[in-house]
Amino acid sequence: MSGYTRCYSNIRKRLLAECYRRKCEKLCLQFQEVLLAGIDRLPPKKIYREFKKMLLALGRPKWEELDRDCLVIVLQKAGLKSLVSSAPYVCKTWHEASLDPKCWEDLAFPEHIDLMMERLAGISRTAFMRAIVDHSGGHATSIMLSNDFSIEALEYVGNQCPALKSLALHHPMAHQKAVVISNQISKWGNLETATLMRGCHMKKIVPQISLHCKNFTDLRAPQSYIGEDEASLIVTHLPKIKHLSLKGSTIDRETLVMIILGCKELASSDARDCTGFKADEAGILRLASHIPASKCEGSRDFKNYRHRLVNGVPQQELEEGHIDIEWDCLFHNFG
């Protein structure tokens, strides 16, 4: 084969691959829209019919013509709940595709696991979680954990998910379980991102991340109370992080300044809708000017906030019983 012919062949392959990729992406987006409309609650035969409509719209009139790789991408985007409750039961082709470990790379468990176990009977939560982790074949790169996980299940995750890059914790999380999670971080050396809802056990987890996760770049602690201790924790253990999100948190001006000055390599920071400082305060805007993507829109100081805050939570919501909090965190400044 001449050099010209080989070059032409390579270009043609690349063009075909790009067309195929775009078709897969379009298919995934359409399937996601149907899932969001509630298709994952429909019987498998109806799911099959809806999906076949999309195939026809994309110029693929025959079900058999859908490449397995394309179907795997679609199931990846479908989400964990659909993989558990509906997709594998549509037909043999879907079942076989759902066994691919790539479909199970993102293990976003909901806050309440029972919502995913509606079609399953006679199986414990721990056995259910272990089965899902086993499907990933050690390739899971993202996981969201909740208080529904038993200690045994948390330890199993630590041993069976060595490739994790993203960790997220629902709030609240029991103290003993948070200790187990912090002990598992030593096994997740590739971890890059952590989301700690309402600062979930930040004091236990952040030091472990600093010690064991050298590629860590992104900390997210939305709706948290960020006091001097929490800011010092971030600055001391994660001074080189690139991305920090504290959206919707309670943090005063001095504490925010401490973080801005201590984390000098930030490429993005998100302090939108926070309470404790003014979004348009000149001093903060000047100090954060070196951060390429810095956001603080919608933030306001305490004087303009009509609810007294307890650990970053409006007192009114606490009185109405809308929010659970860790009461030991309320008194960390007093003892």
C-alpha atoms as a PDB file:
ATOM      1  CA  MET A   1       0.000   0.000   0.000  1.00  0.00           C
ATOM      2  CA  SER A   2       1.417   3.353  -1.056  1.00  0.00           C
ATOM      3  CA  GLY A   3       1.872   6.179   1.430  1.00  0.00           C
ATOM      4  CA  TYR A   4      -0.932   8.155  -0.265  1.00  0.00           C
ATOM      5  CA  THR A   5      -3.376   5.233  -0.068  1.00  0.00           C
ATOM      6  CA  ARG A   6      -2.478   4.562   3.568  1.00  0.00           C
ATOM      7  CA  CYS A   7      -2.971   8.230   4.447  1.00  0.00           C
ATOM      8  CA  TYR A   8      -6.369   8.307   2.674  1.00  0.00           C
ATOM      9  CA  SER A   9      -7.421   5.123   4.494  1.00  0.00           C
ATOM     10  CA  ASN A  10      -6.496   6.603   7.894  1.00  0.00           C
ATOM     11  CA  ILE A  11      -8.414   9.809   7.190  1.00  0.00           C
ATOM     12  CA  ARG A  12     -11.468   7.815   6.116  1.00  0.00           C
ATOM     13  CA  LYS A  13     -11.341   5.715   9.311  1.00  0.00           C
ATOM     14  CA  ARG A  14     -11.114   8.841  11.438  1.00  0.00           C
ATOM     15  CA  LEU A  15     -14.069  10.437   9.674  1.00  0.00           C
ATOM     16  CA  LEU A  16     -16.175   7.301  10.099  1.00  0.00           C
ATOM     17  CA  ALA A  17     -15.214   7.089  13.773  1.00  0.00           C
ATOM     18  CA  GLU A  18     -16.211  10.724  14.299  1.00  0.00           C
ATOM     19  CA  CYS A  19     -19.569  10.194  12.593  1.00  0.00           C
ATOM     20  CA  TYR A  20     -20.159   7.106  14.715  1.00  0.00           C
ATOM     21  CA  ARG A  21     -19.217   8.977  17.906  1.00  0.00           C
ATOM     22  CA  ARG A  22     -21.628  11.799  17.123  1.00  0.00           C
ATOM     23  CA  LYS A  23     -24.414   9.335  16.357  1.00  0.00           C
ATOM     24  CA  CYS A  24     -23.775   7.598  19.697  1.00  0.00           C
ATOM     25  CA  GLU A  25     -23.870  10.917  21.530  1.00  0.00           C
ATOM     26  CA  LYS A  26     -27.136  11.879  19.844  1.00  0.00           C
ATOM     27  CA  LEU A  27     -28.620   8.504  20.736  1.00  0.00           C
ATOM     28  CA  CYS A  28     -27.477   8.850  24.359  1.00  0.00           C
ATOM     29  CA  LEU A  29     -29.004  12.304  24.690  1.00  0.00           C
ATOM     30  CA  GLN A  30     -32.345  11.142  23.322  1.00  0.00           C
ATOM     31  CA  PHE A  31     -32.360   8.095  25.556  1.00  0.00           C
ATOM     32  CA  GLN A  32     -31.573  10.270  28.591  1.00  0.00           C
ATOM     33  CA  GLU A  33     -34.517  12.519  27.769  1.00  0.00           C
ATOM     34  CA  VAL A  34     -36.844   9.525  27.682  1.00  0.00           C
ATOM     35  CA  LEU A  35     -35.447   8.209  30.962  1.00  0.00           C
ATOM     36  CA  LEU A  36     -35.938  11.574  32.637  1.00  0.00           C
ATOM     37  CA  ALA A  37     -39.545  11.459  31.507  1.00  0.00           C
ATOM     38  CA  GLY A  38     -39.953   8.303  33.579  1.00  0.00           C
ATOM     39  CA  ILE A  39     -39.406   5.497  31.086  1.00  0.00           C
ATOM     40  CA  ASP A  40     -37.357   3.512  33.616  1.00  0.00           C
ATOM     41  CA  ARG A  41     -40.618   2.914  35.479  1.00  0.00           C
ATOM     42  CA  LEU A  42     -42.270   1.393  32.401  1.00  0.00           C
ATOM     43  CA  PRO A  43     -42.423  -2.333  31.603  1.00  0.00           C
ATOM     44  CA  PRO A  44     -39.460  -3.573  29.516  1.00  0.00           C
ATOM     45  CA  LYS A  45     -41.550  -4.059  26.352  1.00  0.00           C
ATOM     46  CA  LYS A  46     -42.570  -0.403  26.351  1.00  0.00           C
ATOM     47  CA  ILE A  47     -38.945   0.631  26.876  1.00  0.00           C
ATOM     48  CA  TYR A  48     -38.036  -1.492  23.852  1.00  0.00           C
ATOM     49  CA  ARG A  49     -40.689   0.212  21.713  1.00  0.00           C
ATOM     50  CA  GLU A  50     -39.596   3.712  22.760  1.00  0.00           C
ATOM     51  CA  PHE A  51     -35.977   2.911  22.033  1.00  0.00           C
ATOM     52  CA  LYS A  52     -36.851   1.461  18.649  1.00  0.00           C
ATOM     53  CA  LYS A  53     -38.554   4.754  17.749  1.00  0.00           C
ATOM     54  CA  MET A  54     -35.279   6.529  18.407  1.00  0.00           C
ATOM     55  CA  LEU A  55     -33.401   4.044  16.244  1.00  0.00           C
ATOM     56  CA  LEU A  56     -35.795   4.719  13.391  1.00  0.00           C
ATOM     57  CA  ALA A  57     -35.320   8.455  13.832  1.00  0.00           C
ATOM     58  CA  LEU A  58     -31.558   7.946  13.514  1.00  0.00           C
ATOM     59  CA  GLY A  59     -31.891   5.961  10.302  1.00  0.00           C
ATOM     60  CA  ARG A  60     -31.317   2.544  11.881  1.00  0.00           C
ATOM     61  CA  PRO A  61     -34.526   0.653  11.063  1.00  0.00           C
ATOM     62  CA  LYS A  62     -33.292  -2.741  12.302  1.00  0.00           C
ATOM     63  CA  TRP A  63     -32.622  -3.451  15.951  1.00  0.00           C
ATOM     64  CA  GLU A  64     -29.826  -5.877  15.069  1.00  0.00           C
ATOM     65  CA  GLU A  65     -27.870  -3.090  13.358  1.00  0.00           C
ATOM     66  CA  LEU A  66     -27.234  -1.280  16.633  1.00  0.00           C
ATOM     67  CA  ASP A  67     -23.588  -1.845  17.525  1.00  0.00           C
ATOM     68  CA  ARG A  68     -22.908  -3.233  20.974  1.00  0.00           C
ATOM     69  CA  ASP A  69     -20.408  -0.440  21.686  1.00  0.00           C
ATOM     70  CA  CYS A  70     -23.142   2.096  20.979  1.00  0.00           C
ATOM     71  CA  LEU A  71     -25.575   0.319  23.298  1.00  0.00           C
ATOM     72  CA  VAL A  72     -22.942   0.204  26.066  1.00  0.00           C
ATOM     73  CA  ILE A  73     -22.530   3.990  25.768  1.00  0.00           C
ATOM     74  CA  VAL A  74     -26.296   4.421  25.993  1.00  0.00           C
ATOM     75  CA  LEU A  75     -26.493   2.247  29.123  1.00  0.00           C
ATOM     76  CA  GLN A  76     -23.596   4.166  30.660  1.00  0.00           C
ATOM     77  CA  LYS A  77     -25.612   7.357  30.328  1.00  0.00           C
ATOM     78  CA  ALA A  78     -28.820   5.719  31.533  1.00  0.00           C
ATOM     79  CA  GLY A  79     -27.693   5.735  35.151  1.00  0.00           C
ATOM     80  CA  LEU A  80     -27.445   3.186  37.930  1.00  0.00           C
ATOM     81  CA  LYS A  81     -31.150   2.970  38.697  1.00  0.00           C
ATOM     82  CA  SER A  82     -32.019   2.053  35.115  1.00  0.00           C
ATOM     83  CA  LEU A  83     -29.215  -0.517  34.978  1.00  0.00           C
ATOM     84  CA  VAL A  84     -30.617  -2.193  38.070  1.00  0.00           C
ATOM     85  CA  SER A  85     -34.365  -1.913  37.563  1.00  0.00           C
ATOM     86  CA  SER A  86     -35.128  -1.949  33.840  1.00  0.00           C
ATOM     87  CA  ALA A  87     -32.444  -1.997  31.129  1.00  0.00           C
ATOM     88  CA  PRO A  88     -31.212  -5.621  31.530  1.00  0.00           C
ATOM     89  CA  TYR A  89     -34.777  -6.942  31.326  1.00  0.00           C
ATOM     90  CA  VAL A  90     -35.653  -5.419  27.944  1.00  0.00           C
ATOM     91  CA  CYS A  91     -34.159  -8.199  25.818  1.00  0.00           C
ATOM     92  CA  LYS A  92     -31.166 -10.516  25.542  1.00  0.00           C
ATOM     93  CA  THR A  93     -29.117  -7.913  23.661  1.00  0.00           C
ATOM     94  CA  TRP A  94     -29.613  -5.329  26.399  1.00  0.00           C
ATOM     95  CA  HIS A  95     -28.870  -7.884  29.098  1.00  0.00           C
ATOM     96  CA  GLU A  96     -25.583  -8.875  27.479  1.00  0.00           C
ATOM     97  CA  ALA A  97     -24.584  -5.228  26.994  1.00  0.00           C
ATOM     98  CA  SER A  98     -25.431  -4.415  30.622  1.00  0.00           C
ATOM     99  CA  LEU A  99     -22.836  -6.961  31.779  1.00  0.00           C
ATOM    100  CA  ASP A 100     -20.028  -4.863  30.310  1.00  0.00           C
ATOM    101  CA  PRO A 101     -18.010  -3.344  33.223  1.00  0.00           C
ATOM    102  CA  LYS A 102     -17.985  -0.008  31.368  1.00  0.00           C
ATOM    103  CA  CYS A 103     -21.694   0.362  32.161  1.00  0.00           C
ATOM    104  CA  TRP A 104     -20.883   0.263  35.869  1.00  0.00           C
ATOM    105  CA  GLU A 105     -18.072   2.802  36.083  1.00  0.00           C
ATOM    106  CA  ASP A 106     -20.315   5.438  37.692  1.00  0.00           C
ATOM    107  CA  LEU A 107     -21.918   4.005  40.849  1.00  0.00           C
ATOM    108  CA  ALA A 108     -24.141   6.891  41.941  1.00  0.00           C
ATOM    109  CA  PHE A 109     -26.135   5.264  44.731  1.00  0.00           C
ATOM    110  CA  PRO A 110     -29.143   7.339  45.840  1.00  0.00           C
ATOM    111  CA  GLU A 111     -29.465   8.631  49.391  1.00  0.00           C
ATOM    112  CA  HIS A 112     -32.030   5.926  50.144  1.00  0.00           C
ATOM    113  CA  ILE A 113     -31.017   2.584  48.634  1.00  0.00           C
ATOM    114  CA  ASP A 114     -34.487   1.066  49.027  1.00  0.00           C
ATOM    115  CA  LEU A 115     -35.661   3.196  46.084  1.00  0.00           C
ATOM    116  CA  MET A 116     -33.502   1.028  43.802  1.00  0.00           C
ATOM    117  CA  MET A 117     -34.674  -2.275  45.273  1.00  0.00           C
ATOM    118  CA  GLU A 118     -38.354  -2.079  44.376  1.00  0.00           C
ATOM    119  CA  ARG A 119     -38.175  -5.056  42.002  1.00  0.00           C
ATOM    120  CA  LEU A 120     -35.911  -7.123  44.239  1.00  0.00           C
ATOM    121  CA  ALA A 121     -37.116  -9.299  47.099  1.00  0.00           C
ATOM    122  CA  GLY A 122     -35.292 -11.409  49.635  1.00  0.00           C
ATOM    123  CA  ILE A 123     -31.941  -9.636  49.253  1.00  0.00           C
ATOM    124  CA  SER A 124     -30.208  -7.545  51.897  1.00  0.00           C
ATOM    125  CA  ARG A 125     -28.877  -4.067  51.261  1.00  0.00           C
ATOM    126  CA  THR A 126     -25.306  -5.254  51.736  1.00  0.00           C
ATOM    127  CA  ALA A 127     -25.711  -8.141  49.277  1.00  0.00           C
ATOM    128  CA  PHE A 128     -27.357  -5.779  46.783  1.00  0.00           C
ATOM    129  CA  MET A 129     -24.529  -3.232  47.005  1.00  0.00           C
ATOM    130  CA  ARG A 130     -21.864  -5.903  46.746  1.00  0.00           C
ATOM    131  CA  ALA A 131     -23.515  -7.308  43.601  1.00  0.00           C
ATOM    132  CA  ILE A 132     -23.474  -3.873  41.956  1.00  0.00           C
ATOM    133  CA  VAL A 133     -19.834  -3.293  42.871  1.00  0.00           C
ATOM    134  CA  ASP A 134     -18.979  -6.729  41.478  1.00  0.00           C
ATOM    135  CA  HIS A 135     -20.552  -5.747  38.127  1.00  0.00           C
ATOM    136  CA  SER A 136     -17.932  -3.013  37.782  1.00  0.00           C
ATOM    137  CA  GLY A 137     -15.152  -5.602  37.818  1.00  0.00           C
ATOM    138  CA  GLY A 138     -12.832  -3.214  39.650  1.00  0.00           C
ATOM    139  CA  HIS A 139     -13.281  -0.517  36.973  1.00  0.00           C
ATOM    140  CA  ALA A 140     -15.578   1.856  38.894  1.00  0.00           C
ATOM    141  CA  THR A 141     -14.185   5.388  38.683  1.00  0.00           C
ATOM    142  CA  SER A 142     -16.966   7.254  40.514  1.00  0.00           C
ATOM    143  CA  ILE A 143     -19.090   6.387  43.529  1.00  0.00           C
ATOM    144  CA  MET A 144     -21.657   8.107  45.730  1.00  0.00           C
ATOM    145  CA  LEU A 145     -22.097   6.625  49.197  1.00  0.00           C
ATOM    146  CA  SER A 146     -24.894   7.055  51.716  1.00  0.00           C
ATOM    147  CA  ASN A 147     -25.644   6.188  55.318  1.00  0.00           C
ATOM    148  CA  ASP A 148     -27.574   3.147  54.033  1.00  0.00           C
ATOM    149  CA  PHE A 149     -24.262   1.382  53.414  1.00  0.00           C
ATOM    150  CA  SER A 150     -23.322  -1.029  56.179  1.00  0.00           C
ATOM    151  CA  ILE A 151     -19.772  -1.001  57.512  1.00  0.00           C
ATOM    152  CA  GLU A 152     -19.203  -4.322  55.757  1.00  0.00           C
ATOM    153  CA  ALA A 153     -20.357  -2.834  52.435  1.00  0.00           C
ATOM    154  CA  LEU A 154     -18.124   0.240  52.860  1.00  0.00           C
ATOM    155  CA  GLU A 155     -15.098  -1.961  53.476  1.00  0.00           C
ATOM    156  CA  TYR A 156     -16.009  -4.023  50.413  1.00  0.00           C
ATOM    157  CA  VAL A 157     -16.131  -0.871  48.279  1.00  0.00           C
ATOM    158  CA  GLY A 158     -12.678   0.077  49.505  1.00  0.00           C
ATOM    159  CA  ASN A 159     -11.239  -3.285  48.472  1.00  0.00           C
ATOM    160  CA  GLN A 160     -13.068  -3.699  45.151  1.00  0.00           C
ATOM    161  CA  CYS A 161     -12.883  -0.165  43.707  1.00  0.00           C
ATOM    162  CA  PRO A 162      -9.152   0.630  43.427  1.00  0.00           C
ATOM    163  CA  ALA A 163      -9.626   2.800  40.331  1.00  0.00           C
ATOM    164  CA  LEU A 164     -11.874   5.414  41.988  1.00  0.00           C
ATOM    165  CA  LYS A 165     -11.314   8.988  40.828  1.00  0.00           C
ATOM    166  CA  SER A 166     -14.440  10.594  42.275  1.00  0.00           C
ATOM    167  CA  LEU A 167     -15.983  10.141  45.732  1.00  0.00           C
ATOM    168  CA  ALA A 168     -19.244  11.698  46.924  1.00  0.00           C
ATOM    169  CA  LEU A 169     -20.901  11.386  50.329  1.00  0.00           C
ATOM    170  CA  HIS A 170     -24.536  12.008  51.080  1.00  0.00           C
ATOM    171  CA  HIS A 171     -25.372  13.789  54.330  1.00  0.00           C
ATOM    172  CA  PRO A 172     -25.835  12.738  57.074  1.00  0.00           C
ATOM    173  CA  MET A 173     -23.265   9.970  57.525  1.00  0.00           C
ATOM    174  CA  ALA A 174     -22.866   8.173  60.853  1.00  0.00           C
ATOM    175  CA  HIS A 175     -19.591   8.834  62.692  1.00  0.00           C
ATOM    176  CA  GLN A 176     -18.490   5.187  62.716  1.00  0.00           C
ATOM    177  CA  LYS A 177     -19.114   4.830  58.984  1.00  0.00           C
ATOM    178  CA  ALA A 178     -17.201   8.048  58.258  1.00  0.00           C
ATOM    179  CA  VAL A 179     -14.227   6.569  60.116  1.00  0.00           C
ATOM    180  CA  VAL A 180     -14.434   3.459  57.901  1.00  0.00           C
ATOM    181  CA  ILE A 181     -14.522   5.612  54.741  1.00  0.00           C
ATOM    182  CA  SER A 182     -11.536   7.676  55.857  1.00  0.00           C
ATOM    183  CA  ASN A 183      -9.610   4.428  56.413  1.00  0.00           C
ATOM    184  CA  GLN A 184     -10.456   3.252  52.877  1.00  0.00           C
ATOM    185  CA  ILE A 185      -9.007   6.367  51.222  1.00  0.00           C
ATOM    186  CA  SER A 186      -5.509   4.897  51.436  1.00  0.00           C
ATOM    187  CA  LYS A 187      -6.688   2.380  48.804  1.00  0.00           C
ATOM    188  CA  TRP A 188      -7.876   5.099  46.407  1.00  0.00           C
ATOM    189  CA  GLY A 189      -4.594   6.613  45.301  1.00  0.00           C
ATOM    190  CA  ASN A 190      -6.108   7.812  42.002  1.00  0.00           C
ATOM    191  CA  LEU A 191      -8.780   9.937  43.713  1.00  0.00           C
ATOM    192  CA  GLU A 192      -9.123  13.361  42.067  1.00  0.00           C
ATOM    193  CA  THR A 193     -12.490  14.706  43.255  1.00  0.00           C
ATOM    194  CA  ALA A 194     -14.447  14.559  46.516  1.00  0.00           C
ATOM    195  CA  THR A 195     -17.944  15.907  47.161  1.00  0.00           C
ATOM    196  CA  LEU A 196     -18.819  16.184  50.856  1.00  0.00           C
ATOM    197  CA  MET A 197     -22.444  17.288  51.103  1.00  0.00           C
ATOM    198  CA  ARG A 198     -22.797  19.831  53.940  1.00  0.00           C
ATOM    199  CA  GLY A 199     -19.147  19.293  54.810  1.00  0.00           C
ATOM    200  CA  CYS A 200     -19.838  15.651  55.687  1.00  0.00           C
ATOM    201  CA  HIS A 201     -17.021  14.629  58.096  1.00  0.00           C
ATOM    202  CA  MET A 202     -14.509  16.904  56.401  1.00  0.00           C
ATOM    203  CA  LYS A 203     -12.158  16.792  59.396  1.00  0.00           C
ATOM    204  CA  LYS A 204     -11.741  13.025  59.087  1.00  0.00           C
ATOM    205  CA  ILE A 205     -11.558  12.731  55.315  1.00  0.00           C
ATOM    206  CA  VAL A 206      -9.506  15.703  54.083  1.00  0.00           C
ATOM    207  CA  PRO A 207      -6.293  14.760  55.980  1.00  0.00           C
ATOM    208  CA  GLN A 208      -6.464  11.246  54.520  1.00  0.00           C
ATOM    209  CA  ILE A 209      -6.908  12.623  51.007  1.00  0.00           C
ATOM    210  CA  SER A 210      -3.853  14.823  51.505  1.00  0.00           C
ATOM    211  CA  LEU A 211      -1.811  11.859  52.688  1.00  0.00           C
ATOM    212  CA  HIS A 212      -2.748   9.272  50.063  1.00  0.00           C
ATOM    213  CA  CYS A 213      -4.179  10.987  46.946  1.00  0.00           C
ATOM    214  CA  LYS A 214      -1.411  12.829  45.127  1.00  0.00           C
ATOM    215  CA  ASN A 215      -3.573  13.555  42.053  1.00  0.00           C
ATOM    216  CA  PHE A 216      -6.357  15.202  44.057  1.00  0.00           C
ATOM    217  CA  THR A 217      -7.453  18.541  42.573  1.00  0.00           C
ATOM    218  CA  ASP A 218     -11.151  19.150  43.270  1.00  0.00           C
ATOM    219  CA  LEU A 219     -12.974  19.577  46.609  1.00  0.00           C
ATOM    220  CA  ARG A 220     -16.716  20.273  46.723  1.00  0.00           C
ATOM    221  CA  ALA A 221     -18.464  21.011  50.015  1.00  0.00           C
ATOM    222  CA  PRO A 222     -21.833  22.567  49.118  1.00  0.00           C
ATOM    223  CA  GLN A 223     -24.225  23.831  51.813  1.00  0.00           C
ATOM    224  CA  SER A 224     -21.566  23.512  54.503  1.00  0.00           C
ATOM    225  CA  TYR A 225     -20.530  25.475  57.555  1.00  0.00           C
ATOM    226  CA  ILE A 226     -17.001  26.696  56.804  1.00  0.00           C
ATOM    227  CA  GLY A 227     -15.497  28.237  59.919  1.00  0.00           C
ATOM    228  CA  GLU A 228     -11.901  28.992  60.767  1.00  0.00           C
ATOM    229  CA  ASP A 229     -11.170  25.328  61.599  1.00  0.00           C
ATOM    230  CA  GLU A 230     -12.563  24.067  58.290  1.00  0.00           C
ATOM    231  CA  ALA A 231     -10.696  26.747  56.316  1.00  0.00           C
ATOM    232  CA  SER A 232      -7.461  25.927  58.114  1.00  0.00           C
ATOM    233  CA  LEU A 233      -8.044  22.252  57.274  1.00  0.00           C
ATOM    234  CA  ILE A 234      -8.356  23.034  53.561  1.00  0.00           C
ATOM    235  CA  VAL A 235      -5.377  25.389  53.474  1.00  0.00           C
ATOM    236  CA  THR A 236      -3.134  23.078  55.496  1.00  0.00           C
ATOM    237  CA  HIS A 237      -3.892  19.785  53.785  1.00  0.00           C
ATOM    238  CA  LEU A 238      -4.953  20.849  50.266  1.00  0.00           C
ATOM    239  CA  PRO A 239      -2.989  24.022  49.467  1.00  0.00           C
ATOM    240  CA  LYS A 240      -2.467  23.005  45.829  1.00  0.00           C
ATOM    241  CA  ILE A 241      -6.027  22.119  44.841  1.00  0.00           C
ATOM    242  CA  LYS A 242      -7.199  23.509  41.512  1.00  0.00           C
ATOM    243  CA  HIS A 243     -10.963  23.594  42.066  1.00  0.00           C
ATOM    244  CA  LEU A 244     -13.001  24.426  45.166  1.00  0.00           C
ATOM    245  CA  SER A 245     -16.787  24.671  45.434  1.00  0.00           C
ATOM    246  CA  LEU A 246     -18.516  25.962  48.574  1.00  0.00           C
ATOM    247  CA  LYS A 247     -21.783  26.881  46.904  1.00  0.00           C
ATOM    248  CA  GLY A 248     -24.605  27.684  49.314  1.00  0.00           C
ATOM    249  CA  SER A 249     -22.349  27.510  52.366  1.00  0.00           C
ATOM    250  CA  THR A 250     -22.057  29.703  55.467  1.00  0.00           C
ATOM    251  CA  ILE A 251     -18.638  31.369  55.453  1.00  0.00           C
ATOM    252  CA  ASP A 252     -17.630  34.836  56.622  1.00  0.00           C
ATOM    253  CA  ARG A 253     -15.327  37.264  54.834  1.00  0.00           C
ATOM    254  CA  GLU A 254     -12.197  36.550  56.900  1.00  0.00           C
ATOM    255  CA  THR A 255     -12.530  32.803  56.453  1.00  0.00           C
ATOM    256  CA  LEU A 256     -12.981  33.110  52.696  1.00  0.00           C
ATOM    257  CA  VAL A 257      -9.924  35.359  52.494  1.00  0.00           C
ATOM    258  CA  MET A 258      -7.916  32.745  54.416  1.00  0.00           C
ATOM    259  CA  ILE A 259      -8.782  30.139  51.783  1.00  0.00           C
ATOM    260  CA  ILE A 260      -8.092  32.444  48.830  1.00  0.00           C
ATOM    261  CA  LEU A 261      -4.673  33.390  50.198  1.00  0.00           C
ATOM    262  CA  GLY A 262      -3.806  29.835  51.268  1.00  0.00           C
ATOM    263  CA  CYS A 263      -4.794  27.997  48.065  1.00  0.00           C
ATOM    264  CA  LYS A 264      -2.688  29.908  45.561  1.00  0.00           C
ATOM    265  CA  GLU A 265      -3.095  27.482  42.641  1.00  0.00           C
ATOM    266  CA  LEU A 266      -6.889  27.637  42.354  1.00  0.00           C
ATOM    267  CA  ALA A 267      -8.129  27.628  38.762  1.00  0.00           C
ATOM    268  CA  SER A 268     -11.789  27.865  39.783  1.00  0.00           C
ATOM    269  CA  SER A 269     -13.732  28.685  42.938  1.00  0.00           C
ATOM    270  CA  ASP A 270     -17.480  28.673  43.457  1.00  0.00           C
ATOM    271  CA  ALA A 271     -18.838  30.634  46.421  1.00  0.00           C
ATOM    272  CA  ARG A 272     -22.226  31.485  44.948  1.00  0.00           C
ATOM    273  CA  ASP A 273     -25.295  31.863  47.163  1.00  0.00           C
ATOM    274  CA  CYS A 274     -23.205  31.833  50.341  1.00  0.00           C
ATOM    275  CA  THR A 275     -24.021  33.597  53.591  1.00  0.00           C
ATOM    276  CA  GLY A 276     -21.453  35.682  55.471  1.00  0.00           C
ATOM    277  CA  PHE A 277     -20.005  38.115  52.910  1.00  0.00           C
ATOM    278  CA  LYS A 278     -21.189  40.416  50.153  1.00  0.00           C
ATOM    279  CA  ALA A 279     -20.821  39.140  46.605  1.00  0.00           C
ATOM    280  CA  ASP A 280     -19.735  42.557  45.338  1.00  0.00           C
ATOM    281  CA  GLU A 281     -17.224  43.319  48.101  1.00  0.00           C
ATOM    282  CA  ALA A 282     -14.250  44.991  46.427  1.00  0.00           C
ATOM    283  CA  GLY A 283     -11.622  43.451  48.689  1.00  0.00           C
ATOM    284  CA  ILE A 284     -12.697  39.887  47.983  1.00  0.00           C
ATOM    285  CA  LEU A 285     -13.011  40.506  44.253  1.00  0.00           C
ATOM    286  CA  ARG A 286      -9.502  41.962  44.202  1.00  0.00           C
ATOM    287  CA  LEU A 287      -7.989  39.083  46.157  1.00  0.00           C
ATOM    288  CA  ALA A 288      -9.717  36.510  43.928  1.00  0.00           C
ATOM    289  CA  SER A 289      -8.761  38.270  40.694  1.00  0.00           C
ATOM    290  CA  HIS A 290      -5.918  35.788  40.051  1.00  0.00           C
ATOM    291  CA  ILE A 291      -8.401  32.878  39.931  1.00  0.00           C
ATOM    292  CA  PRO A 292      -9.441  32.388  36.273  1.00  0.00           C
ATOM    293  CA  ALA A 293     -12.982  31.231  37.103  1.00  0.00           C
ATOM    294  CA  SER A 294     -14.170  32.758  40.357  1.00  0.00           C
ATOM    295  CA  LYS A 295     -17.896  32.949  41.170  1.00  0.00           C
ATOM    296  CA  CYS A 296     -19.624  34.518  44.162  1.00  0.00           C
ATOM    297  CA  GLU A 297     -22.927  35.792  42.737  1.00  0.00           C
ATOM    298  CA  GLY A 298     -25.888  35.764  45.072  1.00  0.00           C
ATOM    299  CA  SER A 299     -23.856  35.762  48.288  1.00  0.00           C
ATOM    300  CA  ARG A 300     -24.907  38.085  51.113  1.00  0.00           C
ATOM    301  CA  ASP A 301     -23.705  39.082  54.565  1.00  0.00           C
ATOM    302  CA  PHE A 302     -25.347  38.130  57.835  1.00  0.00           C
ATOM    303  CA  LYS A 303     -27.080  41.484  58.213  1.00  0.00           C
ATOM    304  CA  ASN A 304     -29.138  40.860  55.104  1.00  0.00           C
ATOM    305  CA  TYR A 305     -30.040  37.319  56.021  1.00  0.00           C
ATOM    306  CA  ARG A 306     -33.381  37.029  57.753  1.00  0.00           C
ATOM    307  CA  HIS A 307     -32.789  33.687  59.487  1.00  0.00           C
ATOM    308  CA  ARG A 308     -30.370  33.062  62.317  1.00  0.00           C
ATOM    309  CA  LEU A 309     -28.039  30.286  61.165  1.00  0.00           C
ATOM    310  CA  VAL A 310     -27.018  27.226  63.135  1.00  0.00           C
ATOM    311  CA  ASN A 311     -24.068  25.330  61.615  1.00  0.00           C
ATOM    312  CA  GLY A 312     -24.873  26.853  58.241  1.00  0.00           C
ATOM    313  CA  VAL A 313     -28.545  25.862  58.388  1.00  0.00           C
ATOM    314  CA  PRO A 314     -31.419  28.371  58.746  1.00  0.00           C
ATOM    315  CA  GLN A 315     -32.932  28.035  62.214  1.00  0.00           C
ATOM    316  CA  GLN A 316     -36.444  28.083  60.760  1.00  0.00           C
ATOM    317  CA  GLU A 317     -35.724  24.927  58.763  1.00  0.00           C
ATOM    318  CA  LEU A 318     -34.313  23.210  61.854  1.00  0.00           C
ATOM    319  CA  GLU A 319     -37.405  24.067  63.872  1.00  0.00           C
ATOM    320  CA  GLU A 320     -39.642  22.681  61.141  1.00  0.00           C
ATOM    321  CA  GLY A 321     -37.617  19.463  61.114  1.00  0.00           C
ATOM    322  CA  HIS A 322     -36.564  19.731  57.466  1.00  0.00           C
ATOM    323  CA  ILE A 323     -32.874  19.130  57.972  1.00  0.00           C
ATOM    324  CA  ASP A 324     -30.779  16.617  59.914  1.00  0.00           C
ATOM    325  CA  ILE A 325     -27.424  17.834  61.208  1.00  0.00           C
ATOM    326  CA  GLU A 326     -24.505  16.525  63.211  1.00  0.00           C
ATOM    327  CA  TRP A 327     -25.060  18.143  66.600  1.00  0.00           C
ATOM    328  CA  ASP A 328     -21.499  17.561  67.746  1.00  0.00           C
ATOM    329  CA  CYS A 329     -20.396  19.963  64.997  1.00  0.00           C
ATOM    330  CA  LEU A 330     -22.419  22.786  66.530  1.00  0.00           C
ATOM    331  CA  PHE A 331     -20.237  23.003  69.569  1.00  0.00           C
ATOM    332  CA  HIS A 332     -16.778  22.564  68.061  1.00  0.00           C
ATOM    333  CA  ASN A 333     -15.874  26.097  69.079  1.00  0.00           C
ATOM    334  CA  PHE A 334     -16.755  25.529  72.730  1.00  0.00           C
ATOM    335  CA  GLY A 335     -14.674  22.610  73.776  1.00  0.00           C
END
